[in-house]
Amino acid sequence: MRILCRDWLVTRETEEAVSWMQSVINLGRLARDRANLPIKSPLAEVVVVHTEQKVLDDVSRLEKYILEELNVRKLTVSTDKTTYNVRLSAEPDHKLLGQRFKKEFKSIVGGIKVSQ
């Protein structure tokens, strides 16, 4: 069996765009699972919010694949967190950090617990 190698077709930009597409699809599936919305039921819209316009451009370029995989009719991309009521937070894994950092645990937890 002969495998053709076409490295010149795969660029760093393409790999990054596909990676972002995969992330959107994985998060979309996770959101559907959490809301008990089966993939067979089409949704009206999926909204992708990100601070970097390049990421949104990459996602937009691969819109066709995202819509198909998530069974959604429309893809909206935005950098505006407030319009879509996006809140970010981080919660530490106390057991893992406690085992690893012991005495520095409290100061590390204080630095992680940040909400936007």
C-alpha atoms as a PDB file:
ATOM      1  CA  MET A   1       0.000   0.000   0.000  1.00  0.00           C
ATOM      2  CA  ARG A   2       1.318   3.411  -0.960  1.00  0.00           C
ATOM      3  CA  ILE A   3       0.513   6.479   1.126  1.00  0.00           C
ATOM      4  CA  LEU A   4       0.765   9.860  -0.531  1.00  0.00           C
ATOM      5  CA  CYS A   5       2.259  12.526   1.673  1.00  0.00           C
ATOM      6  CA  ARG A   6       1.007  16.010   0.923  1.00  0.00           C
ATOM      7  CA  ASP A   7       2.527  18.048   3.719  1.00  0.00           C
ATOM      8  CA  TRP A   8       2.386  21.167   1.589  1.00  0.00           C
ATOM      9  CA  LEU A   9      -1.433  21.065   1.817  1.00  0.00           C
ATOM     10  CA  VAL A  10      -1.435  21.205   5.604  1.00  0.00           C
ATOM     11  CA  THR A  11      -0.443  24.549   7.032  1.00  0.00           C
ATOM     12  CA  ARG A  12      -0.190  25.728  10.608  1.00  0.00           C
ATOM     13  CA  GLU A  13      -3.166  28.025  10.010  1.00  0.00           C
ATOM     14  CA  THR A  14      -5.289  25.122   8.777  1.00  0.00           C
ATOM     15  CA  GLU A  15      -4.363  23.018  11.784  1.00  0.00           C
ATOM     16  CA  GLU A  16      -5.279  25.852  14.165  1.00  0.00           C
ATOM     17  CA  ALA A  17      -8.599  26.474  12.420  1.00  0.00           C
ATOM     18  CA  VAL A  18      -9.509  22.785  12.565  1.00  0.00           C
ATOM     19  CA  SER A  19      -8.509  22.666  16.228  1.00  0.00           C
ATOM     20  CA  TRP A  20     -10.852  25.572  17.019  1.00  0.00           C
ATOM     21  CA  MET A  21     -13.598  23.896  15.009  1.00  0.00           C
ATOM     22  CA  GLN A  22     -13.156  20.692  17.015  1.00  0.00           C
ATOM     23  CA  SER A  23     -13.307  22.650  20.263  1.00  0.00           C
ATOM     24  CA  VAL A  24     -16.553  24.343  19.230  1.00  0.00           C
ATOM     25  CA  ILE A  25     -18.079  21.000  18.215  1.00  0.00           C
ATOM     26  CA  ASN A  26     -16.996  19.302  21.451  1.00  0.00           C
ATOM     27  CA  LEU A  27     -18.335  22.142  23.598  1.00  0.00           C
ATOM     28  CA  GLY A  28     -21.548  22.232  21.580  1.00  0.00           C
ATOM     29  CA  ARG A  29     -22.090  18.510  22.114  1.00  0.00           C
ATOM     30  CA  LEU A  30     -21.362  18.912  25.812  1.00  0.00           C
ATOM     31  CA  ALA A  31     -23.877  21.754  26.083  1.00  0.00           C
ATOM     32  CA  ARG A  32     -26.507  19.684  24.283  1.00  0.00           C
ATOM     33  CA  ASP A  33     -25.859  16.734  26.601  1.00  0.00           C
ATOM     34  CA  ARG A  34     -26.168  18.889  29.715  1.00  0.00           C
ATOM     35  CA  ALA A  35     -29.439  20.386  28.445  1.00  0.00           C
ATOM     36  CA  ASN A  36     -30.734  16.963  27.369  1.00  0.00           C
ATOM     37  CA  LEU A  37     -31.123  18.112  23.761  1.00  0.00           C
ATOM     38  CA  PRO A  38     -30.528  15.180  21.419  1.00  0.00           C
ATOM     39  CA  ILE A  39     -28.359  15.762  18.352  1.00  0.00           C
ATOM     40  CA  LYS A  40     -31.274  14.650  16.154  1.00  0.00           C
ATOM     41  CA  SER A  41     -33.255  17.745  17.163  1.00  0.00           C
ATOM     42  CA  PRO A  42     -32.069  20.755  15.150  1.00  0.00           C
ATOM     43  CA  LEU A  43     -31.338  23.965  17.034  1.00  0.00           C
ATOM     44  CA  ALA A  44     -31.885  27.460  15.674  1.00  0.00           C
ATOM     45  CA  GLU A  45     -28.500  28.951  16.563  1.00  0.00           C
ATOM     46  CA  VAL A  46     -25.136  28.396  18.204  1.00  0.00           C
ATOM     47  CA  VAL A  47     -23.165  31.382  19.477  1.00  0.00           C
ATOM     48  CA  VAL A  48     -19.376  31.339  19.785  1.00  0.00           C
ATOM     49  CA  VAL A  49     -17.882  34.090  21.951  1.00  0.00           C
ATOM     50  CA  HIS A  50     -14.115  34.607  22.015  1.00  0.00           C
ATOM     51  CA  THR A  51     -11.868  37.582  22.710  1.00  0.00           C
ATOM     52  CA  GLU A  52      -9.625  37.002  19.659  1.00  0.00           C
ATOM     53  CA  GLN A  53     -11.004  37.923  16.252  1.00  0.00           C
ATOM     54  CA  LYS A  54      -8.622  35.483  14.524  1.00  0.00           C
ATOM     55  CA  VAL A  55     -10.233  32.574  16.376  1.00  0.00           C
ATOM     56  CA  LEU A  56     -13.688  33.777  15.339  1.00  0.00           C
ATOM     57  CA  ASP A  57     -12.505  34.086  11.728  1.00  0.00           C
ATOM     58  CA  ASP A  58     -11.202  30.501  11.847  1.00  0.00           C
ATOM     59  CA  VAL A  59     -14.499  29.265  13.260  1.00  0.00           C
ATOM     60  CA  SER A  60     -16.451  31.195  10.628  1.00  0.00           C
ATOM     61  CA  ARG A  61     -14.391  29.675   7.806  1.00  0.00           C
ATOM     62  CA  LEU A  62     -15.409  26.198   8.956  1.00  0.00           C
ATOM     63  CA  GLU A  63     -19.029  27.131   9.702  1.00  0.00           C
ATOM     64  CA  LYS A  64     -20.429  24.489   7.346  1.00  0.00           C
ATOM     65  CA  TYR A  65     -18.839  21.653   9.327  1.00  0.00           C
ATOM     66  CA  ILE A  66     -19.894  23.060  12.699  1.00  0.00           C
ATOM     67  CA  LEU A  67     -23.508  23.480  11.611  1.00  0.00           C
ATOM     68  CA  GLU A  68     -23.598  19.963  10.237  1.00  0.00           C
ATOM     69  CA  GLU A  69     -21.967  18.283  13.246  1.00  0.00           C
ATOM     70  CA  LEU A  70     -24.096  20.115  15.819  1.00  0.00           C
ATOM     71  CA  ASN A  71     -27.305  20.060  13.741  1.00  0.00           C
ATOM     72  CA  VAL A  72     -27.738  23.817  14.034  1.00  0.00           C
ATOM     73  CA  ARG A  73     -29.192  26.219  11.474  1.00  0.00           C
ATOM     74  CA  LYS A  74     -27.138  29.353  12.217  1.00  0.00           C
ATOM     75  CA  LEU A  75     -23.681  30.168  13.625  1.00  0.00           C
ATOM     76  CA  THR A  76     -23.071  33.526  15.276  1.00  0.00           C
ATOM     77  CA  VAL A  77     -19.582  34.652  16.332  1.00  0.00           C
ATOM     78  CA  SER A  78     -18.911  37.578  18.649  1.00  0.00           C
ATOM     79  CA  THR A  79     -16.272  39.166  20.850  1.00  0.00           C
ATOM     80  CA  ASP A  80     -18.913  40.803  23.099  1.00  0.00           C
ATOM     81  CA  LYS A  81     -19.235  38.865  26.371  1.00  0.00           C
ATOM     82  CA  THR A  82     -21.840  41.191  27.867  1.00  0.00           C
ATOM     83  CA  THR A  83     -24.389  40.762  25.062  1.00  0.00           C
ATOM     84  CA  TYR A  84     -24.474  37.002  25.663  1.00  0.00           C
ATOM     85  CA  ASN A  85     -24.083  37.225  29.460  1.00  0.00           C
ATOM     86  CA  VAL A  86     -20.811  35.273  29.494  1.00  0.00           C
ATOM     87  CA  ARG A  87     -19.232  34.892  32.930  1.00  0.00           C
ATOM     88  CA  LEU A  88     -15.882  33.203  33.457  1.00  0.00           C
ATOM     89  CA  SER A  89     -14.776  31.552  36.668  1.00  0.00           C
ATOM     90  CA  ALA A  90     -12.148  29.114  37.874  1.00  0.00           C
ATOM     91  CA  GLU A  91     -12.468  26.609  40.686  1.00  0.00           C
ATOM     92  CA  PRO A  92      -9.366  24.757  41.956  1.00  0.00           C
ATOM     93  CA  ASP A  93      -9.137  21.017  42.481  1.00  0.00           C
ATOM     94  CA  HIS A  94      -8.480  21.118  46.255  1.00  0.00           C
ATOM     95  CA  LYS A  95      -7.436  17.489  46.608  1.00  0.00           C
ATOM     96  CA  LEU A  96      -4.921  17.589  43.755  1.00  0.00           C
ATOM     97  CA  LEU A  97      -3.432  20.960  44.737  1.00  0.00           C
ATOM     98  CA  GLY A  98      -3.271  19.997  48.411  1.00  0.00           C
ATOM     99  CA  GLN A  99      -1.316  16.845  47.642  1.00  0.00           C
ATOM    100  CA  ARG A 100       1.073  18.588  45.322  1.00  0.00           C
ATOM    101  CA  PHE A 101       1.723  21.952  46.981  1.00  0.00           C
ATOM    102  CA  LYS A 102       0.974  21.265  50.673  1.00  0.00           C
ATOM    103  CA  LYS A 103       2.090  24.471  52.463  1.00  0.00           C
ATOM    104  CA  GLU A 104       1.597  26.813  49.493  1.00  0.00           C
ATOM    105  CA  PHE A 105      -1.950  25.500  48.964  1.00  0.00           C
ATOM    106  CA  LYS A 106      -3.812  28.446  50.532  1.00  0.00           C
ATOM    107  CA  SER A 107      -1.967  31.108  48.560  1.00  0.00           C
ATOM    108  CA  ILE A 108      -2.446  29.196  45.299  1.00  0.00           C
ATOM    109  CA  VAL A 109      -6.196  28.738  45.917  1.00  0.00           C
ATOM    110  CA  GLY A 110      -6.522  32.468  46.628  1.00  0.00           C
ATOM    111  CA  GLY A 111      -4.909  33.253  43.296  1.00  0.00           C
ATOM    112  CA  ILE A 112      -7.117  30.844  41.349  1.00  0.00           C
ATOM    113  CA  LYS A 113     -10.509  31.892  42.707  1.00  0.00           C
ATOM    114  CA  VAL A 114     -11.126  34.716  40.306  1.00  0.00           C
ATOM    115  CA  SER A 115     -14.436  35.557  38.631  1.00  0.00           C
ATOM    116  CA  GLN A 116     -15.117  37.893  35.764  1.00  0.00           C
END
